[in-house]
């Protein structure tokens, strides 16, 4: 193993806040792409639909209030999601700057800066006009909070019921503290309450009569209940001291009562929660942490960047290793495992792991953390008449969140089986509009059709391609057929024609990022917005292809 990357303490943030100077530099790198009829890739990659170029551009102009309004209009948990979102897989992973050999704009940390700045102030909320309708939200996690806030702005009287004393759901209790402990969840919940949302905390819907009481008092009910307890895997010896379910382990960290893990820790499972548990175990003082996974690296469900970071910190990954039972007398002393090989694909499409005969061995450990997933809330969901489940997940209309019981809507982990906080926010918003349309008697929303691509306006060798008030002007006479612009175009609309001159196949898909102009050595391209030329070069003080420290 190579040199291990240094890491901080248990609660030292993986991605600390930007300084004022860093914000100025980073926001200025954004190309502010996106056309009148073509959304930018970063916004398309955001499950909450945050207008990323809109808020980053506002920050570049030092309009931080405007940036925060843009963020919170799309994501009421914008401050929390800025900390916990896997931005490498979402908005930053879609940033077009990577096409030009540059690091993506660090969108998450910019969003955090703008959101935190706004949350530190007392926001003024526009008055809402009550419409006389009542909606109950069960669960104060990301999906429930987003649904409640959206409905409140539409005039609904919303009551949120939550079994715990604090809101936030998986963000509050199940996401490792090096990402977020609690702040800014309390401030975000205060903003939602200021919209008129009523919170009933410490109210467990643990009996059918309590659910019926909620149902009878509302015109619609949203289920944001998430998933249940950790799956235990049926391992023998799971009751030994030193064996932890992953969510209970992380909750101990989040609530300030971290357990003593000893020198040697094994984590069962190779999802993102398992990797978080392993990395936090190192921060608790463990000298050797292993992740045991019965498949290979190619099948692991964890994000690739999370895996790389864990390896850099010194976590060992033991592939094709299947735990059989925990061993010890009075306390955990080891994990008995068997070696595996991969066979034919199973129902998930991944290669099925098969045990190798006579391959049992024992790994000595002081602590084991089981992170193999969560069980659905089957008993609770079974109390709702007509509610259909698909492999334990609530079946919904993907456009409205409506379940097979017309009074109930749902979103978040109870529907998708466990995903990101921002995906839950997006689902909560969609369900809120589904509820609104159902109760207001509005027709289903119809997606707008993409406009037909307009032919270019030709003036000799200069061809002008227009998309509403934006235009891409191409001087074909100057084109040397180098193909560099074709390589860098994120939408794939540039190509050389039979005369080896550049042409645009579909201007309606152009996002006006300007990478073509940035890459072209012959000044073939000019971009216009509103009739005026615009700069197409981000962080122009850097030579093309030069990278700064990510």
Protein backbone atom coordinates (compact mmCIF):
# COMPACT_ATOMS: atom_id res chain seq x y z
CA UNK A 1 0.00 0.00 0.00
CA UNK A 2 1.27 3.49 -0.83
CA UNK A 3 1.61 6.44 1.49
CA UNK A 4 -1.56 6.90 3.53
CA UNK A 5 -3.28 10.26 3.26
CA UNK A 6 -3.57 12.17 6.51
CA UNK A 7 -7.05 12.61 7.92
CA UNK A 8 -8.49 14.67 10.74
CA UNK A 9 -10.50 13.89 13.84
CA UNK A 10 -13.93 12.32 14.03
CA UNK A 11 -15.79 15.51 13.22
CA UNK A 12 -13.25 17.34 11.05
CA UNK A 13 -15.10 18.03 7.82
CA UNK A 14 -14.09 16.33 4.61
CA UNK A 15 -14.99 19.47 2.70
CA UNK A 16 -14.53 22.55 4.88
CA UNK A 17 -16.20 25.87 4.15
CA UNK A 18 -14.74 28.19 1.52
CA UNK A 19 -13.15 31.47 2.51
CA UNK A 20 -14.42 34.68 0.91
CA UNK A 21 -11.40 34.76 -1.42
CA UNK A 22 -11.92 31.14 -2.48
CA UNK A 23 -15.55 31.87 -3.31
CA UNK A 24 -14.58 34.76 -5.58
CA UNK A 25 -12.09 32.65 -7.51
CA UNK A 26 -14.22 29.50 -7.73
CA UNK A 27 -17.47 31.19 -8.74
CA UNK A 28 -15.60 33.04 -11.48
CA UNK A 29 -14.62 29.72 -13.08
CA UNK A 30 -18.22 28.83 -13.98
CA UNK A 31 -19.11 29.10 -17.67
CA UNK A 32 -22.75 29.78 -16.72
CA UNK A 33 -23.87 27.48 -19.49
CA UNK A 34 -27.40 26.58 -20.43
CA UNK A 35 -29.48 27.72 -23.36
CA UNK A 36 -33.06 29.05 -23.51
CA UNK A 37 -34.29 25.56 -24.43
CA UNK A 38 -31.43 23.40 -23.12
CA UNK A 39 -30.71 23.06 -19.41
CA UNK A 40 -27.06 22.82 -18.33
CA UNK A 41 -25.78 19.34 -17.42
CA UNK A 42 -25.16 20.31 -13.78
CA UNK A 43 -28.80 21.28 -13.27
CA UNK A 44 -30.01 18.18 -15.10
CA UNK A 45 -27.83 16.07 -12.79
CA UNK A 46 -29.34 17.64 -9.65
CA UNK A 47 -32.37 15.64 -8.42
CA UNK A 48 -33.75 18.83 -6.86
CA UNK A 49 -33.30 20.80 -10.08
CA UNK A 50 -31.17 23.59 -8.58
CA UNK A 51 -30.28 26.26 -11.17
CA UNK A 52 -26.53 25.86 -10.67
CA UNK A 53 -25.28 28.44 -13.20
CA UNK A 54 -27.89 30.85 -11.87
CA UNK A 55 -26.68 30.78 -8.28
CA UNK A 56 -22.98 30.45 -9.10
CA UNK A 57 -23.21 33.35 -11.53
CA UNK A 58 -24.91 35.43 -8.84
CA UNK A 59 -22.05 34.60 -6.47
CA UNK A 60 -19.51 35.65 -9.07
CA UNK A 61 -21.28 39.04 -9.09
CA UNK A 62 -21.29 39.00 -5.26
CA UNK A 63 -25.08 38.77 -5.17
CA UNK A 64 -25.11 36.23 -2.35
CA UNK A 65 -28.73 36.89 -1.36
CA UNK A 66 -29.85 36.23 -4.91
CA UNK A 67 -27.76 33.05 -4.98
CA UNK A 68 -29.39 31.79 -1.78
CA UNK A 69 -32.88 32.55 -3.10
CA UNK A 70 -32.13 30.49 -6.20
CA UNK A 71 -30.84 27.59 -4.10
CA UNK A 72 -33.66 27.50 -1.54
CA UNK A 73 -36.35 27.95 -4.18
CA UNK A 74 -35.32 24.54 -5.52
CA UNK A 75 -34.03 22.84 -2.38
CA UNK A 76 -35.27 23.85 1.06
CA UNK A 77 -32.39 21.81 2.53
CA UNK A 78 -29.80 23.50 0.33
CA UNK A 79 -27.32 23.99 3.17
CA UNK A 80 -27.43 20.37 4.31
CA UNK A 81 -27.40 18.91 0.83
CA UNK A 82 -24.36 21.04 0.00
CA UNK A 83 -22.53 19.08 2.70
CA UNK A 84 -23.85 15.55 2.22
CA UNK A 85 -24.58 15.27 -1.52
CA UNK A 86 -22.29 13.04 -3.59
CA UNK A 87 -21.60 16.00 -5.87
CA UNK A 88 -18.85 14.05 -7.60
CA UNK A 89 -21.58 11.80 -9.01
CA UNK A 90 -24.15 14.55 -9.58
CA UNK A 91 -23.66 18.25 -10.42
CA UNK A 92 -19.86 18.37 -10.27
CA UNK A 93 -19.62 15.08 -12.12
CA UNK A 94 -21.62 16.67 -14.95
CA UNK A 95 -19.65 19.94 -15.08
CA UNK A 96 -18.54 20.63 -18.65
CA UNK A 97 -15.14 21.93 -17.56
CA UNK A 98 -13.98 18.33 -17.23
CA UNK A 99 -14.36 18.08 -21.01
CA UNK A 100 -11.69 20.74 -21.30
CA UNK A 101 -9.26 18.97 -18.99
CA UNK A 102 -10.08 21.14 -15.98
CA UNK A 103 -11.43 20.38 -12.58
CA UNK A 104 -15.18 20.86 -12.23
CA UNK A 105 -16.47 23.94 -10.46
CA UNK A 106 -16.77 23.01 -6.78
CA UNK A 107 -20.49 23.54 -6.74
CA UNK A 108 -21.22 21.92 -3.39
CA UNK A 109 -18.91 24.19 -1.45
CA UNK A 110 -20.18 27.28 -3.26
CA UNK A 111 -23.75 26.26 -2.45
CA UNK A 112 -22.81 25.78 1.19
CA UNK A 113 -21.30 29.26 1.38
CA UNK A 114 -24.39 30.97 -0.04
CA UNK A 115 -26.82 28.86 1.99
CA UNK A 116 -24.95 29.32 5.28
CA UNK A 117 -24.72 33.05 4.74
CA UNK A 118 -28.49 33.25 4.24
CA UNK A 119 -29.29 30.93 7.16
CA UNK A 120 -27.29 33.18 9.49
CA UNK A 121 -29.80 35.97 8.77
CA UNK A 122 -33.48 36.24 9.58
CA UNK A 123 -35.27 35.61 6.29
CA UNK A 124 -38.44 37.38 5.31
CA UNK A 125 -41.12 35.04 4.02
CA UNK A 126 -43.86 36.11 1.69
CA UNK A 127 -47.31 35.75 3.17
CA UNK A 128 -49.25 32.74 1.95
CA UNK A 129 -52.96 32.59 1.27
CA UNK A 130 -54.49 29.56 3.08
CA UNK A 131 -56.58 27.40 0.78
CA UNK A 132 -58.44 25.52 3.52
CA UNK A 133 -56.90 22.13 2.74
CA UNK A 134 -54.91 20.02 5.22
CA UNK A 135 -52.04 17.65 4.46
CA UNK A 136 -50.30 15.33 6.90
CA UNK A 137 -46.64 14.43 6.40
CA UNK A 138 -45.32 11.36 8.24
CA UNK A 139 -41.59 11.62 8.69
CA UNK A 140 -39.38 14.70 9.04
CA UNK A 141 -36.59 13.46 6.83
CA UNK A 142 -35.49 15.15 3.59
CA UNK A 143 -38.51 13.97 1.58
CA UNK A 144 -41.02 14.96 4.26
CA UNK A 145 -39.44 18.37 4.89
CA UNK A 146 -39.29 19.20 1.18
CA UNK A 147 -42.88 18.12 0.63
CA UNK A 148 -44.10 20.11 3.64
CA UNK A 149 -42.31 23.29 2.60
CA UNK A 150 -43.55 23.11 -0.99
CA UNK A 151 -47.15 22.53 0.12
CA UNK A 152 -46.98 25.37 2.66
CA UNK A 153 -45.99 27.83 -0.07
CA UNK A 154 -49.06 26.66 -2.00
CA UNK A 155 -51.34 27.55 0.91
CA UNK A 156 -51.85 24.15 2.56
CA UNK A 157 -52.04 23.65 6.31
CA UNK A 158 -49.29 21.07 6.79
CA UNK A 159 -48.58 19.01 9.90
CA UNK A 160 -45.40 16.92 10.09
CA UNK A 161 -45.36 13.93 12.43
CA UNK A 162 -41.95 12.64 13.50
CA UNK A 163 -41.07 9.87 15.95
CA UNK A 164 -37.75 11.45 16.96
CA UNK A 165 -37.19 14.70 18.79
CA UNK A 166 -35.09 16.21 15.99
CA UNK A 167 -35.92 16.58 12.31
CA UNK A 168 -33.65 15.61 9.45
CA UNK A 169 -34.03 11.85 9.20
CA UNK A 170 -31.05 10.18 7.56
CA UNK A 171 -29.11 13.47 7.40
CA UNK A 172 -29.41 13.94 11.16
CA UNK A 173 -28.81 10.38 12.28
CA UNK A 174 -27.33 8.23 9.51
CA UNK A 175 -24.73 10.34 7.67
CA UNK A 176 -21.22 10.29 9.08
CA UNK A 177 -20.21 13.31 11.20
CA UNK A 178 -17.25 14.16 9.00
CA UNK A 179 -19.88 15.24 6.47
CA UNK A 180 -22.41 16.87 8.80
CA UNK A 181 -23.25 16.61 12.48
CA UNK A 182 -26.42 18.69 12.80
CA UNK A 183 -25.94 22.24 11.52
CA UNK A 184 -27.58 23.70 9.51
CA UNK A 185 -30.58 21.36 9.86
CA UNK A 186 -32.07 23.27 12.83
CA UNK A 187 -31.99 26.55 10.89
CA UNK A 188 -33.50 24.92 7.83
CA UNK A 189 -36.29 23.43 9.95
CA UNK A 190 -36.93 26.89 11.43
CA UNK A 191 -37.34 28.32 7.94
CA UNK A 192 -39.85 25.60 7.12
CA UNK A 193 -41.75 26.25 10.35
CA UNK A 194 -41.79 29.96 9.46
CA UNK A 195 -43.77 29.01 6.34
CA UNK A 196 -46.55 27.85 8.67
CA UNK A 197 -45.68 24.15 8.86
CA UNK A 198 -46.61 22.58 12.20
CA UNK A 199 -44.24 19.98 13.66
CA UNK A 200 -45.38 17.26 16.05
CA UNK A 201 -42.13 15.75 17.28
CA UNK A 202 -41.77 12.62 19.37
CA UNK A 203 -44.96 11.22 17.84
CA UNK A 204 -44.40 7.63 16.75
CA UNK A 205 -47.00 6.27 14.36
CA UNK A 206 -46.58 2.83 15.89
CA UNK A 207 -50.20 1.68 15.97
CA UNK A 208 -52.88 1.44 13.28
CA UNK A 209 -55.21 3.69 15.28
CA UNK A 210 -52.62 6.48 15.30
CA UNK A 211 -52.27 6.23 11.53
CA UNK A 212 -56.06 6.31 11.14
CA UNK A 213 -56.20 9.38 13.38
CA UNK A 214 -53.76 11.18 11.07
CA UNK A 215 -55.54 10.02 7.93
CA UNK A 216 -58.96 11.18 9.15
CA UNK A 217 -57.62 14.65 9.92
CA UNK A 218 -56.09 15.31 6.49
CA UNK A 219 -57.13 15.63 2.86
CA UNK A 220 -53.95 13.85 1.79
CA UNK A 221 -51.08 12.06 3.51
CA UNK A 222 -47.43 12.02 2.43
CA UNK A 223 -45.25 9.10 3.53
CA UNK A 224 -41.66 10.15 4.08
CA UNK A 225 -40.92 7.29 6.45
CA UNK A 226 -37.67 6.07 4.93
CA UNK A 227 -36.43 2.59 5.73
CA UNK A 228 -36.30 0.65 8.98
CA UNK A 229 -33.59 -1.04 10.99
CA UNK A 230 -30.30 -2.44 9.68
CA UNK A 231 -30.39 -5.87 8.10
CA UNK A 232 -28.45 -8.21 10.38
CA UNK A 233 -27.44 -10.80 7.79
CA UNK A 234 -28.30 -13.67 10.12
CA UNK A 235 -24.70 -13.97 11.29
CA UNK A 236 -24.12 -16.11 14.35
CA UNK A 237 -22.69 -14.20 17.29
CA UNK A 238 -24.33 -10.90 16.31
CA UNK A 239 -25.25 -10.34 19.96
CA UNK A 240 -21.61 -10.26 21.08
CA UNK A 241 -20.40 -6.94 22.50
CA UNK A 242 -18.33 -5.25 19.81
CA UNK A 243 -20.75 -6.05 16.96
CA UNK A 244 -22.58 -2.93 15.75
CA UNK A 245 -25.32 -2.30 13.20
CA UNK A 246 -23.99 0.48 10.98
CA UNK A 247 -26.77 3.02 11.61
CA UNK A 248 -26.56 2.57 15.36
CA UNK A 249 -22.79 2.99 15.16
CA UNK A 250 -23.07 6.23 13.17
CA UNK A 251 -25.83 7.55 15.44
CA UNK A 252 -23.51 7.05 18.42
CA UNK A 253 -20.94 9.20 16.65
CA UNK A 254 -23.49 11.87 15.74
CA UNK A 255 -24.87 12.14 19.26
CA UNK A 256 -21.47 12.53 20.91
CA UNK A 257 -21.11 9.06 22.43
CA UNK A 258 -18.59 7.30 20.16
CA UNK A 259 -17.80 3.70 21.12
CA UNK A 260 -14.31 2.38 21.80
CA UNK A 261 -13.44 0.34 18.70
CA UNK A 262 -10.03 -1.05 19.64
CA UNK A 263 -7.16 -1.52 17.21
CA UNK A 264 -8.78 -3.82 14.63
CA UNK A 265 -12.12 -3.15 12.94
CA UNK A 266 -13.98 -5.06 10.25
CA UNK A 267 -16.86 -3.58 8.28
CA UNK A 268 -19.28 -5.97 6.58
CA UNK A 269 -20.57 -4.57 3.27
CA UNK A 270 -19.16 -2.25 0.63
CA UNK A 271 -21.82 0.41 0.20
CA UNK A 272 -21.34 4.10 0.96
CA UNK A 273 -22.49 3.65 4.57
CA UNK A 274 -19.93 0.89 5.05
CA UNK A 275 -17.15 3.10 3.71
CA UNK A 276 -18.24 5.95 5.99
CA UNK A 277 -18.16 3.60 8.98
CA UNK A 278 -14.69 2.36 8.04
CA UNK A 279 -13.24 5.84 7.62
CA UNK A 280 -14.75 7.03 10.88
CA UNK A 281 -13.31 3.95 12.65
CA UNK A 282 -9.85 5.15 11.60
CA UNK A 283 -10.67 8.53 13.12
CA UNK A 284 -11.65 6.79 16.35
CA UNK A 285 -8.12 5.43 16.62
CA UNK A 286 -8.27 2.02 14.96
CA UNK A 287 -4.91 1.06 13.46
CA UNK A 288 -6.28 -1.48 10.99
CA UNK A 289 -9.70 -1.30 9.29
CA UNK A 290 -10.89 -3.84 6.73
CA UNK A 291 -14.01 -3.89 4.57
CA UNK A 292 -15.20 -7.43 3.88
CA UNK A 293 -17.20 -7.86 0.68
CA UNK A 294 -18.39 -11.10 -0.85
CA UNK A 295 -18.15 -9.82 -4.42
CA UNK A 296 -15.35 -7.98 -6.26
CA UNK A 297 -14.54 -4.32 -6.72
CA UNK A 298 -16.47 -4.30 -10.01
CA UNK A 299 -19.74 -5.14 -8.20
CA UNK A 300 -19.43 -2.87 -5.17
CA UNK A 301 -22.37 -0.45 -4.72
CA UNK A 302 -20.20 2.31 -3.23
CA UNK A 303 -19.28 5.35 -5.30
CA UNK A 304 -15.89 5.07 -6.97
CA UNK A 305 -14.62 8.32 -5.46
CA UNK A 306 -15.58 7.15 -1.95
CA UNK A 307 -13.65 3.94 -2.52
CA UNK A 308 -10.56 5.81 -3.73
CA UNK A 309 -10.60 8.15 -0.75
CA UNK A 310 -10.95 5.24 1.69
CA UNK A 311 -7.99 3.46 0.09
CA UNK A 312 -5.95 6.66 0.34
CA UNK A 313 -6.71 6.84 4.06
CA UNK A 314 -5.58 3.27 4.65
CA UNK A 315 -8.77 1.20 4.62
CA UNK A 316 -8.11 -2.36 3.43
CA UNK A 317 -10.62 -3.95 1.05
CA UNK A 318 -10.88 -7.74 1.18
CA UNK A 319 -12.78 -8.81 -1.93
CA UNK A 320 -14.54 -12.17 -2.37
CA UNK A 321 -14.67 -12.55 1.40
CA UNK A 322 -17.94 -13.63 2.97
CA UNK A 323 -18.45 -13.36 6.75
CA UNK A 324 -20.06 -16.48 8.21
CA UNK A 325 -20.25 -15.71 11.94
CA UNK A 326 -18.78 -13.63 14.71
CA UNK A 327 -16.66 -15.46 17.27
CA UNK A 328 -15.61 -14.70 20.83
CA UNK A 329 -16.33 -15.48 24.48
CA UNK A 330 -18.07 -12.65 26.26
CA UNK A 331 -16.85 -10.24 23.61
CA UNK A 332 -16.10 -10.20 19.90
CA UNK A 333 -12.68 -11.59 19.02
CA UNK A 334 -12.92 -12.35 15.32
CA UNK A 335 -14.95 -12.79 12.15
CA UNK A 336 -15.06 -16.25 10.62
CA UNK A 337 -15.14 -15.94 6.82
CA UNK A 338 -15.10 -18.05 3.70
CA UNK A 339 -13.54 -17.25 0.37
CA UNK A 340 -15.84 -16.75 -2.61
CA UNK A 341 -15.75 -16.93 -6.39
CA UNK A 342 -18.12 -15.32 -8.86
CA UNK A 343 -20.64 -17.37 -10.79
CA UNK A 344 -23.55 -16.59 -13.11
CA UNK A 345 -25.44 -13.29 -12.71
CA UNK A 346 -28.23 -13.21 -10.12
CA UNK A 347 -31.53 -11.28 -10.18
CA UNK A 348 -29.67 -7.98 -9.63
CA UNK A 349 -27.57 -8.55 -12.75
CA UNK A 350 -24.36 -8.87 -10.75
CA UNK A 351 -22.27 -12.03 -10.68
CA UNK A 352 -23.51 -14.37 -7.96
CA UNK A 353 -20.89 -15.08 -5.26
CA UNK A 354 -20.35 -18.77 -4.56
CA UNK A 355 -18.39 -20.20 -1.61
CA UNK A 356 -15.13 -22.03 -2.27
CA UNK A 357 -15.19 -25.34 -0.38
CA UNK A 358 -12.82 -25.71 2.60
CA UNK A 359 -11.76 -22.05 2.48
CA UNK A 360 -12.84 -20.93 5.96
CA UNK A 361 -10.53 -18.60 7.90
CA UNK A 362 -10.84 -16.17 10.83
CA UNK A 363 -9.90 -12.49 10.92
CA UNK A 364 -9.08 -11.23 14.45
CA UNK A 365 -10.99 -8.03 15.21
CA UNK A 366 -12.06 -5.94 18.20
CA UNK A 367 -15.10 -4.37 16.51
CA UNK A 368 -17.33 -5.38 13.61
CA UNK A 369 -19.81 -3.05 11.91
CA UNK A 370 -22.57 -4.61 9.79
CA UNK A 371 -23.52 -2.36 6.85
CA UNK A 372 -25.48 -4.51 4.42
CA UNK A 373 -28.60 -2.39 4.02
CA UNK A 374 -31.89 -1.60 5.74
CA UNK A 375 -35.20 -3.41 5.99
CA UNK A 376 -38.40 -1.80 4.66
CA UNK A 377 -41.07 -0.68 7.15
CA UNK A 378 -43.27 -3.60 6.19
CA UNK A 379 -45.49 -3.66 9.28
CA UNK A 380 -46.29 0.05 9.16
CA UNK A 381 -46.93 0.03 5.42
CA UNK A 382 -49.19 -2.97 5.84
CA UNK A 383 -51.64 -0.87 7.86
CA UNK A 384 -52.53 1.24 4.79
CA UNK A 385 -55.38 -0.33 2.77
CA UNK A 386 -54.65 -0.86 -0.91
CA UNK A 387 -50.99 0.18 -0.66
CA UNK A 388 -48.93 -1.90 -3.09
CA UNK A 389 -45.29 -2.74 -2.47
CA UNK A 390 -42.74 -3.90 -5.02
CA UNK A 391 -39.98 -5.90 -3.29
CA UNK A 392 -40.70 -3.99 -0.10
CA UNK A 393 -40.74 -0.56 -1.78
CA UNK A 394 -43.86 1.59 -2.05
CA UNK A 395 -45.22 1.66 -5.57
CA UNK A 396 -45.90 5.21 -6.79
CA UNK A 397 -46.62 7.14 -9.95
CA UNK A 398 -43.12 8.51 -10.70
CA UNK A 399 -44.51 11.85 -11.89
CA UNK A 400 -46.80 12.57 -8.91
CA UNK A 401 -45.69 10.33 -6.05
CA UNK A 402 -49.23 9.00 -5.71
CA UNK A 403 -49.50 5.49 -4.30
CA UNK A 404 -52.10 2.84 -5.11
CA UNK A 405 -54.15 4.23 -2.21
CA UNK A 406 -55.30 7.56 -3.75
CA UNK A 407 -55.16 9.45 -0.44
CA UNK A 408 -51.51 8.57 0.13
CA UNK A 409 -48.42 9.89 -1.62
CA UNK A 410 -44.84 8.84 -0.93
CA UNK A 411 -41.22 9.61 -1.73
CA UNK A 412 -37.66 9.07 -0.57
CA UNK A 413 -36.07 5.86 0.65
CA UNK A 414 -39.42 4.11 1.24
CA UNK A 415 -39.91 4.32 -2.54
CA UNK A 416 -36.41 4.05 -4.00
CA UNK A 417 -34.98 1.59 -1.48
CA UNK A 418 -32.29 3.97 -0.24
CA UNK A 419 -30.64 6.74 -2.23
CA UNK A 420 -29.34 10.26 -1.62
CA UNK A 421 -30.77 13.04 0.52
CA UNK A 422 -31.18 15.28 -2.52
CA UNK A 423 -33.07 12.53 -4.36
CA UNK A 424 -35.45 12.46 -1.40
CA UNK A 425 -35.84 16.25 -1.62
CA UNK A 426 -36.69 15.98 -5.30
CA UNK A 427 -39.23 13.23 -4.63
CA UNK A 428 -40.85 15.26 -1.85
CA UNK A 429 -41.26 18.26 -4.18
CA UNK A 430 -42.77 16.14 -6.95
CA UNK A 431 -45.22 14.59 -4.51
CA UNK A 432 -46.19 18.03 -3.18
CA UNK A 433 -47.18 19.09 -6.69
CA UNK A 434 -48.91 15.76 -7.19
CA UNK A 435 -50.95 16.41 -4.05
CA UNK A 436 -51.71 19.96 -5.15
CA UNK A 437 -52.91 18.89 -8.57
CA UNK A 438 -55.03 16.11 -7.08
CA UNK A 439 -56.70 18.28 -4.42
CA UNK A 440 -57.12 21.30 -6.70
CA UNK A 441 -58.56 19.19 -9.50
CA UNK A 442 -55.85 20.25 -11.94
CA UNK A 443 -54.98 18.13 -15.00
CA UNK A 444 -51.69 16.20 -15.02
CA UNK A 445 -48.66 18.23 -15.97
CA UNK A 446 -47.63 17.73 -19.59
CA UNK A 447 -43.95 17.95 -20.38
CA UNK A 448 -43.10 20.68 -22.87
CA UNK A 449 -41.90 19.49 -26.24
CA UNK A 450 -38.38 20.35 -27.25
CA UNK A 451 -38.37 22.94 -30.04
CA UNK A 452 -37.52 21.82 -33.54
CA UNK A 453 -33.94 22.73 -34.46
CA UNK A 454 -33.83 25.91 -36.50
CA UNK A 455 -31.74 25.99 -39.69
CA UNK A 456 -28.79 28.38 -39.67
CA UNK A 457 -28.96 31.87 -41.09
CA UNK A 458 -26.24 31.82 -43.73
CA UNK A 459 -24.26 34.88 -44.76
CA UNK A 460 -21.58 33.47 -46.97
CA UNK A 461 -19.17 31.45 -44.84
CA UNK A 462 -20.62 32.84 -41.59
CA UNK A 463 -23.48 30.73 -40.30
CA UNK A 464 -25.62 31.93 -37.43
CA UNK A 465 -27.44 29.30 -35.32
CA UNK A 466 -30.15 30.71 -33.03
CA UNK A 467 -31.91 29.38 -29.93
CA UNK A 468 -34.38 32.08 -28.83
CA UNK A 469 -32.23 35.09 -27.85
CA UNK A 470 -28.97 33.13 -27.81
CA UNK A 471 -26.84 32.46 -30.86
CA UNK A 472 -23.77 30.53 -31.90
CA UNK A 473 -21.99 32.19 -34.82
CA UNK A 474 -19.64 30.01 -36.87
CA UNK A 475 -17.13 31.39 -39.38
CA UNK A 476 -16.71 28.29 -41.50
CA UNK A 477 -14.08 29.89 -43.71
CA UNK A 478 -11.63 29.94 -40.83
CA UNK A 479 -12.19 26.28 -39.86
CA UNK A 480 -9.06 24.11 -40.36
CA UNK A 481 -10.86 20.81 -39.62
CA UNK A 482 -8.73 20.14 -36.56
CA UNK A 483 -11.73 18.53 -34.81
CA UNK A 484 -10.79 19.95 -31.40
CA UNK A 485 -14.20 21.55 -30.90
CA UNK A 486 -15.92 18.26 -31.76
CA UNK A 487 -13.92 16.48 -29.06
CA UNK A 488 -14.83 18.96 -26.36
CA UNK A 489 -18.52 19.64 -27.13
CA UNK A 490 -20.55 18.20 -24.21
CA UNK A 491 -23.74 17.77 -26.24
CA UNK A 492 -22.20 16.19 -29.33
CA UNK A 493 -23.82 18.63 -31.77
CA UNK A 494 -20.65 19.66 -33.62
CA UNK A 495 -19.33 17.71 -36.61
CA UNK A 496 -17.29 18.22 -39.75
CA UNK A 497 -19.33 18.09 -42.96
CA UNK A 498 -18.25 16.63 -46.30
CA UNK A 499 -16.29 19.81 -47.04
CA UNK A 500 -14.37 19.46 -43.77
CA UNK A 501 -16.02 22.53 -42.30
CA UNK A 502 -17.69 22.62 -38.92
CA UNK A 503 -21.47 22.39 -38.71
CA UNK A 504 -24.07 22.26 -35.91
CA UNK A 505 -26.51 19.36 -36.10
CA UNK A 506 -29.11 20.55 -33.56
CA UNK A 507 -28.86 24.05 -32.10
CA UNK A 508 -31.82 23.37 -29.78
CA UNK A 509 -29.50 21.15 -27.71
CA UNK A 510 -26.68 23.71 -27.46
CA UNK A 511 -25.99 24.82 -23.86
CA UNK A 512 -23.79 27.77 -24.91
CA UNK A 513 -20.95 26.73 -22.65
CA UNK A 514 -18.38 28.18 -25.02
CA UNK A 515 -15.99 25.24 -24.85
CA UNK A 516 -15.87 25.24 -28.64
CA UNK A 517 -14.64 28.84 -28.63
CA UNK A 518 -12.26 28.07 -25.79
CA UNK A 519 -10.71 25.15 -27.66
CA UNK A 520 -10.68 26.52 -31.19
CA UNK A 521 -7.24 27.89 -32.21
CA UNK A 522 -8.70 29.82 -35.14
CA UNK A 523 -11.46 31.92 -33.53
CA UNK A 524 -14.20 30.22 -35.54
CA UNK A 525 -16.91 30.59 -32.86
CA UNK A 526 -18.66 33.58 -31.28
CA UNK A 527 -21.43 33.27 -28.67
CA UNK A 528 -24.19 35.82 -28.19
CA UNK A 529 -26.86 36.23 -25.52
CA UNK A 530 -29.50 38.90 -25.91
CA UNK A 531 -27.73 40.21 -28.98
CA UNK A 532 -24.42 40.87 -27.20
CA UNK A 533 -21.22 38.79 -27.43
CA UNK A 534 -20.32 36.90 -24.28
CA UNK A 535 -17.04 35.60 -22.95
CA UNK A 536 -16.72 31.86 -23.36
CA UNK A 537 -13.61 31.37 -21.26
CA UNK A 538 -13.72 30.53 -17.56
CA UNK A 539 -10.71 31.21 -15.28
CA UNK A 540 -9.05 32.79 -18.32
CA UNK A 541 -5.94 33.65 -16.33
CA UNK A 542 -4.95 29.98 -16.63
CA UNK A 543 -3.41 28.51 -19.73
CA UNK A 544 -5.64 25.95 -21.39
CA UNK A 545 -5.47 22.57 -19.69
CA UNK A 546 -3.73 23.90 -16.58
CA UNK A 547 -5.25 22.39 -13.45
CA UNK A 548 -5.53 23.87 -10.01
CA UNK A 549 -5.60 21.89 -6.78
CA UNK A 550 -9.02 20.26 -6.30
